[in-house]
Protein backbone atom coordinates (compact mmCIF):
# COMPACT_ATOMS: atom_id res chain seq x y z
CA UNK A 1 26.55 -98.92 183.36
CA UNK A 2 23.56 -98.86 185.06
CA UNK A 3 21.42 -97.52 188.01
CA UNK A 4 21.56 -99.19 190.96
CA UNK A 5 17.78 -98.57 192.05
CA UNK A 6 17.75 -98.31 195.91
CA UNK A 7 15.55 -101.00 197.77
CA UNK A 8 12.17 -100.05 199.00
CA UNK A 9 11.90 -96.73 197.09
CA UNK A 10 10.72 -97.10 193.74
CA UNK A 11 11.68 -94.83 191.09
CA UNK A 12 15.03 -93.81 193.34
CA UNK A 13 18.43 -94.98 192.55
CA UNK A 14 21.56 -94.08 191.90
CA UNK A 15 23.98 -93.96 188.33
CA UNK A 16 27.86 -93.59 188.82
CA UNK A 17 30.31 -93.28 185.52
CA UNK A 18 34.10 -92.43 185.93
CA UNK A 19 35.68 -89.27 185.07
CA UNK A 20 38.82 -89.00 183.21
CA UNK A 21 40.90 -85.69 182.38
CA UNK A 22 41.22 -85.45 178.38
CA UNK A 23 44.09 -87.81 176.85
CA UNK A 24 44.56 -89.29 180.15
CA UNK A 25 43.82 -93.23 180.85
CA UNK A 26 43.51 -93.29 184.52
CA UNK A 27 40.29 -92.41 185.98
CA UNK A 28 40.22 -88.73 187.99
CA UNK A 29 36.93 -89.59 189.63
CA UNK A 30 33.11 -90.30 189.44
CA UNK A 31 30.17 -88.49 188.23
CA UNK A 32 27.26 -89.64 190.71
CA UNK A 33 23.74 -88.87 189.40
CA UNK A 34 21.07 -89.29 192.24
CA UNK A 35 17.94 -90.51 190.00
CA UNK A 36 13.96 -90.24 190.17
CA UNK A 37 11.93 -91.64 188.12
CA UNK A 38 7.60 -90.67 187.58
CA UNK A 39 5.23 -92.20 185.86
CA UNK A 40 5.70 -95.23 183.93
CA UNK A 41 9.27 -95.39 185.67
CA UNK A 42 7.97 -95.37 189.06
CA UNK A 43 4.15 -96.18 189.00
CA UNK A 44 3.46 -91.97 189.82
CA UNK A 45 0.47 -90.14 187.87
CA UNK A 46 2.82 -87.92 185.43
CA UNK A 47 5.52 -89.35 183.70
CA UNK A 48 9.70 -87.68 184.19
CA UNK A 49 12.53 -88.25 185.13
CA UNK A 50 14.88 -86.05 187.28
CA UNK A 51 18.40 -86.13 188.66
CA UNK A 52 20.66 -84.42 190.68
CA UNK A 53 24.72 -84.87 189.90
CA UNK A 54 27.26 -84.47 191.72
CA UNK A 55 31.14 -84.52 189.93
CA UNK A 56 33.68 -85.45 192.52
CA UNK A 57 37.34 -85.27 191.03
CA UNK A 58 40.62 -87.07 192.33
CA UNK A 59 41.53 -84.19 194.14
CA UNK A 60 38.48 -84.51 196.86
CA UNK A 61 36.45 -81.38 195.22
CA UNK A 62 32.78 -81.67 194.59
CA UNK A 63 30.88 -79.63 192.46
CA UNK A 64 27.19 -79.89 192.52
CA UNK A 65 25.22 -79.65 189.19
CA UNK A 66 21.56 -79.67 188.23
CA UNK A 67 20.05 -82.40 185.83
CA UNK A 68 22.50 -81.15 183.15
CA UNK A 69 25.67 -81.48 184.20
CA UNK A 70 29.03 -81.50 183.50
CA UNK A 71 30.57 -83.28 179.76
CA UNK A 72 33.65 -82.94 178.49
CA UNK A 73 34.38 -79.70 175.80
CA UNK A 74 31.54 -78.37 177.42
CA UNK A 75 30.37 -76.88 180.59
CA UNK A 76 26.64 -78.26 180.06
CA UNK A 77 24.16 -80.45 178.42
CA UNK A 78 20.81 -79.41 177.36
CA UNK A 79 18.32 -81.57 179.47
CA UNK A 80 17.10 -83.56 176.23
CA UNK A 81 20.78 -84.60 175.82
CA UNK A 82 21.08 -85.81 179.64
CA UNK A 83 17.75 -87.80 179.10
CA UNK A 84 18.56 -89.30 175.87
CA UNK A 85 21.93 -90.40 177.46
CA UNK A 86 20.73 -91.80 180.67
CA UNK A 87 18.25 -93.79 178.41
CA UNK A 88 20.90 -95.14 176.27
CA UNK A 89 22.74 -96.02 179.37
CA UNK A 90 20.23 -98.02 181.32
CA UNK A 91 18.62 -99.88 178.07
CA UNK A 92 17.91 -103.78 178.56
């Protein structure tokens, strides 16, 4: 899993994760995060990381979330947890 950085737009990209229903082995949809990095990540004066997360399920419904989005067995992530997760997913 990695961020696909947009060509010609430093610090902007898209992270897409598969979604599935608990107990179901089939993917139900995707969780897409439009990401914007700042500072050391994108040559800006201030360090930071922001994202607009959209959850799209197999029934073509789409729900927009703020950065803390939705995770299994929980309605929200704390911002720090979300940043830590994206950091782990983008290492290397």
